[in-house]
Amino acid sequence: MVRDERISQARRRIAANGFGIWYILLLGMLIYRQFYVGQPLNEYWDIALTFFIGTLYVTIASFAQGAVYETLIIRQGKLTVPGILITIVVVIYFKGGINTVVDLLMVVTSALLTLSVLGLLFYYLYQRWEKKSDLTD
């Protein structure tokens, strides 16, 4: 069977769109169950685990295979990191986990430390891919 590049590209586009739909629907389910229904995490942990494993896989695979651009990472990181930090603080505040300034500082410090470790991991994977592909100077 002959493989036409147009068919392969169409299949990749369909798979990417399917993942995008899956991602948005799972995120919507998590938000709905957490905030609208008010269910505890132990009632929908399987959905949360599926969502986060899928997200982690795509992120790590993208960096490990060099499917991201360094300028794109920097540009989006300037918006993404503060957005994630604000989201974490707001969610924990509404769940009743922030009562004092000390609680707020602990949440912000923990979130920044976690984001920093993830950023270093992704940077390492990206640099490893560049070295493996002989793209470094």
C-alpha atoms as a PDB file:
ATOM      1  CA  MET A   1       0.000   0.000   0.000  1.00  0.00           C
ATOM      2  CA  VAL A   2       1.375   3.376  -1.012  1.00  0.00           C
ATOM      3  CA  ARG A   3       1.368   6.070   1.651  1.00  0.00           C
ATOM      4  CA  ASP A   4       0.420   9.461   0.423  1.00  0.00           C
ATOM      5  CA  GLU A   5       1.829  12.332   2.491  1.00  0.00           C
ATOM      6  CA  ARG A   6      -1.493  14.191   2.258  1.00  0.00           C
ATOM      7  CA  ILE A   7      -3.314  11.254   3.864  1.00  0.00           C
ATOM      8  CA  SER A   8      -0.700  10.965   6.611  1.00  0.00           C
ATOM      9  CA  GLN A   9      -0.902  14.699   7.285  1.00  0.00           C
ATOM     10  CA  ALA A  10      -4.712  14.565   7.399  1.00  0.00           C
ATOM     11  CA  ARG A  11      -4.574  11.690   9.895  1.00  0.00           C
ATOM     12  CA  ARG A  12      -2.136  13.599  12.112  1.00  0.00           C
ATOM     13  CA  ARG A  13      -4.378  16.673  11.983  1.00  0.00           C
ATOM     14  CA  ILE A  14      -7.434  14.578  12.908  1.00  0.00           C
ATOM     15  CA  ALA A  15      -5.548  12.967  15.800  1.00  0.00           C
ATOM     16  CA  ALA A  16      -4.373  16.374  17.035  1.00  0.00           C
ATOM     17  CA  ASN A  17      -7.905  17.778  16.856  1.00  0.00           C
ATOM     18  CA  GLY A  18      -9.233  14.701  18.660  1.00  0.00           C
ATOM     19  CA  PHE A  19      -6.703  15.188  21.430  1.00  0.00           C
ATOM     20  CA  GLY A  20      -7.664  18.865  21.685  1.00  0.00           C
ATOM     21  CA  ILE A  21     -11.334  17.936  22.055  1.00  0.00           C
ATOM     22  CA  TRP A  22     -10.477  15.237  24.615  1.00  0.00           C
ATOM     23  CA  TYR A  23      -8.340  17.689  26.574  1.00  0.00           C
ATOM     24  CA  ILE A  24     -11.005  20.416  26.704  1.00  0.00           C
ATOM     25  CA  LEU A  25     -13.780  17.962  27.629  1.00  0.00           C
ATOM     26  CA  LEU A  26     -11.773  16.361  30.444  1.00  0.00           C
ATOM     27  CA  LEU A  27     -10.779  19.775  31.775  1.00  0.00           C
ATOM     28  CA  GLY A  28     -14.434  20.851  31.623  1.00  0.00           C
ATOM     29  CA  MET A  29     -15.474  17.715  33.513  1.00  0.00           C
ATOM     30  CA  LEU A  30     -12.894  18.402  36.213  1.00  0.00           C
ATOM     31  CA  ILE A  31     -13.945  22.022  36.616  1.00  0.00           C
ATOM     32  CA  TYR A  32     -17.640  21.060  36.636  1.00  0.00           C
ATOM     33  CA  ARG A  33     -17.213  18.359  39.268  1.00  0.00           C
ATOM     34  CA  GLN A  34     -14.907  20.467  41.443  1.00  0.00           C
ATOM     35  CA  PHE A  35     -16.741  23.783  41.466  1.00  0.00           C
ATOM     36  CA  TYR A  36     -20.327  23.283  40.275  1.00  0.00           C
ATOM     37  CA  VAL A  37     -21.166  19.922  41.818  1.00  0.00           C
ATOM     38  CA  GLY A  38     -18.698  20.307  44.687  1.00  0.00           C
ATOM     39  CA  GLN A  39     -17.565  16.690  44.644  1.00  0.00           C
ATOM     40  CA  PRO A  40     -14.493  15.721  46.644  1.00  0.00           C
ATOM     41  CA  LEU A  41     -11.456  14.601  44.626  1.00  0.00           C
ATOM     42  CA  ASN A  42     -11.788  10.974  45.739  1.00  0.00           C
ATOM     43  CA  GLU A  43     -15.006  10.718  43.672  1.00  0.00           C
ATOM     44  CA  TYR A  44     -13.380  11.680  40.360  1.00  0.00           C
ATOM     45  CA  TRP A  45      -9.680  10.995  40.899  1.00  0.00           C
ATOM     46  CA  ASP A  46      -9.615   8.664  37.878  1.00  0.00           C
ATOM     47  CA  ILE A  47     -10.654  11.483  35.538  1.00  0.00           C
ATOM     48  CA  ALA A  48      -8.112  13.839  37.092  1.00  0.00           C
ATOM     49  CA  LEU A  49      -5.359  11.233  36.820  1.00  0.00           C
ATOM     50  CA  THR A  50      -6.203  10.557  33.155  1.00  0.00           C
ATOM     51  CA  PHE A  51      -6.164  14.278  32.404  1.00  0.00           C
ATOM     52  CA  PHE A  52      -2.856  14.955  34.136  1.00  0.00           C
ATOM     53  CA  ILE A  53      -1.086  11.876  32.736  1.00  0.00           C
ATOM     54  CA  GLY A  54      -2.172  12.833  29.216  1.00  0.00           C
ATOM     55  CA  THR A  55      -1.063  16.414  29.717  1.00  0.00           C
ATOM     56  CA  LEU A  56       2.263  15.345  31.220  1.00  0.00           C
ATOM     57  CA  TYR A  57       2.923  12.918  28.369  1.00  0.00           C
ATOM     58  CA  VAL A  58       2.266  15.478  25.654  1.00  0.00           C
ATOM     59  CA  THR A  59       4.375  18.115  27.403  1.00  0.00           C
ATOM     60  CA  ILE A  60       7.352  15.860  28.072  1.00  0.00           C
ATOM     61  CA  ALA A  61       7.189  14.244  24.622  1.00  0.00           C
ATOM     62  CA  SER A  62       7.047  17.671  22.961  1.00  0.00           C
ATOM     63  CA  PHE A  63      10.162  18.839  24.766  1.00  0.00           C
ATOM     64  CA  ALA A  64      12.003  15.530  24.384  1.00  0.00           C
ATOM     65  CA  GLN A  65      11.346  15.415  20.630  1.00  0.00           C
ATOM     66  CA  GLY A  66      12.022  19.108  20.072  1.00  0.00           C
ATOM     67  CA  ALA A  67       8.468  19.830  18.957  1.00  0.00           C
ATOM     68  CA  VAL A  68       8.633  23.288  20.539  1.00  0.00           C
ATOM     69  CA  TYR A  69      10.519  26.426  19.620  1.00  0.00           C
ATOM     70  CA  GLU A  70      12.686  28.217  22.150  1.00  0.00           C
ATOM     71  CA  THR A  71      11.208  31.633  21.326  1.00  0.00           C
ATOM     72  CA  LEU A  72       7.698  30.216  21.630  1.00  0.00           C
ATOM     73  CA  ILE A  73       8.534  28.761  25.051  1.00  0.00           C
ATOM     74  CA  ILE A  74       9.848  32.095  26.301  1.00  0.00           C
ATOM     75  CA  ARG A  75       6.930  34.090  24.884  1.00  0.00           C
ATOM     76  CA  GLN A  76       4.262  31.708  26.198  1.00  0.00           C
ATOM     77  CA  GLY A  77       6.079  31.165  29.493  1.00  0.00           C
ATOM     78  CA  LYS A  78       5.768  34.853  30.304  1.00  0.00           C
ATOM     79  CA  LEU A  79       1.992  34.439  30.170  1.00  0.00           C
ATOM     80  CA  THR A  80       1.592  30.843  31.309  1.00  0.00           C
ATOM     81  CA  VAL A  81       3.559  30.897  34.559  1.00  0.00           C
ATOM     82  CA  PRO A  82       1.703  33.872  36.085  1.00  0.00           C
ATOM     83  CA  GLY A  83      -1.583  32.406  34.840  1.00  0.00           C
ATOM     84  CA  ILE A  84      -0.890  29.067  36.496  1.00  0.00           C
ATOM     85  CA  LEU A  85       0.224  30.778  39.699  1.00  0.00           C
ATOM     86  CA  ILE A  86      -2.906  32.949  39.871  1.00  0.00           C
ATOM     87  CA  THR A  87      -5.129  29.946  39.130  1.00  0.00           C
ATOM     88  CA  ILE A  88      -3.530  27.905  41.905  1.00  0.00           C
ATOM     89  CA  VAL A  89      -3.931  30.735  44.425  1.00  0.00           C
ATOM     90  CA  VAL A  90      -7.574  31.406  43.448  1.00  0.00           C
ATOM     91  CA  VAL A  91      -8.575  27.729  43.547  1.00  0.00           C
ATOM     92  CA  ILE A  92      -6.934  27.132  46.925  1.00  0.00           C
ATOM     93  CA  TYR A  93      -8.466  30.361  48.276  1.00  0.00           C
ATOM     94  CA  PHE A  94     -11.978  29.333  47.228  1.00  0.00           C
ATOM     95  CA  LYS A  95     -11.461  25.850  48.677  1.00  0.00           C
ATOM     96  CA  GLY A  96     -10.689  27.514  52.036  1.00  0.00           C
ATOM     97  CA  GLY A  97      -6.980  26.742  52.097  1.00  0.00           C
ATOM     98  CA  ILE A  98      -5.758  30.332  52.394  1.00  0.00           C
ATOM     99  CA  ASN A  99      -6.740  32.060  55.618  1.00  0.00           C
ATOM    100  CA  THR A 100      -3.686  34.158  56.447  1.00  0.00           C
ATOM    101  CA  VAL A 101      -0.839  35.901  54.678  1.00  0.00           C
ATOM    102  CA  VAL A 102       1.455  33.061  55.762  1.00  0.00           C
ATOM    103  CA  ASP A 103      -0.819  30.567  53.981  1.00  0.00           C
ATOM    104  CA  LEU A 104      -0.692  32.717  50.856  1.00  0.00           C
ATOM    105  CA  LEU A 105       3.101  32.896  50.975  1.00  0.00           C
ATOM    106  CA  MET A 106       3.353  29.133  51.456  1.00  0.00           C
ATOM    107  CA  VAL A 107       1.080  28.468  48.473  1.00  0.00           C
ATOM    108  CA  VAL A 108       2.931  30.929  46.221  1.00  0.00           C
ATOM    109  CA  THR A 109       6.346  29.594  47.291  1.00  0.00           C
ATOM    110  CA  SER A 110       5.300  25.972  46.753  1.00  0.00           C
ATOM    111  CA  ALA A 111       3.782  26.748  43.356  1.00  0.00           C
ATOM    112  CA  LEU A 112       6.839  28.718  42.203  1.00  0.00           C
ATOM    113  CA  LEU A 113       9.179  25.967  43.381  1.00  0.00           C
ATOM    114  CA  THR A 114       7.154  23.308  41.558  1.00  0.00           C
ATOM    115  CA  LEU A 115       6.965  25.395  38.373  1.00  0.00           C
ATOM    116  CA  SER A 116      10.707  26.030  38.567  1.00  0.00           C
ATOM    117  CA  VAL A 117      11.499  22.329  38.869  1.00  0.00           C
ATOM    118  CA  LEU A 118       9.202  21.551  35.928  1.00  0.00           C
ATOM    119  CA  GLY A 119      10.782  24.367  33.916  1.00  0.00           C
ATOM    120  CA  LEU A 120      14.265  22.981  34.573  1.00  0.00           C
ATOM    121  CA  LEU A 121      13.121  19.491  33.576  1.00  0.00           C
ATOM    122  CA  PHE A 122      11.644  20.779  30.322  1.00  0.00           C
ATOM    123  CA  TYR A 123      14.762  22.869  29.632  1.00  0.00           C
ATOM    124  CA  TYR A 124      16.937  19.797  30.170  1.00  0.00           C
ATOM    125  CA  LEU A 125      14.792  17.712  27.798  1.00  0.00           C
ATOM    126  CA  TYR A 126      14.887  20.420  25.151  1.00  0.00           C
ATOM    127  CA  GLN A 127      18.670  20.851  25.438  1.00  0.00           C
ATOM    128  CA  ARG A 128      19.133  17.087  25.294  1.00  0.00           C
ATOM    129  CA  TRP A 129      17.087  16.945  22.092  1.00  0.00           C
ATOM    130  CA  GLU A 130      19.092  19.794  20.540  1.00  0.00           C
ATOM    131  CA  LYS A 131      22.370  18.048  21.405  1.00  0.00           C
ATOM    132  CA  LYS A 132      21.089  14.712  20.133  1.00  0.00           C
ATOM    133  CA  SER A 133      20.011  16.322  16.866  1.00  0.00           C
ATOM    134  CA  ASP A 134      23.279  18.304  16.519  1.00  0.00           C
ATOM    135  CA  LEU A 135      21.475  21.649  16.545  1.00  0.00           C
ATOM    136  CA  THR A 136      23.657  23.370  19.127  1.00  0.00           C
ATOM    137  CA  ASP A 137      26.457  25.723  18.168  1.00  0.00           C
END
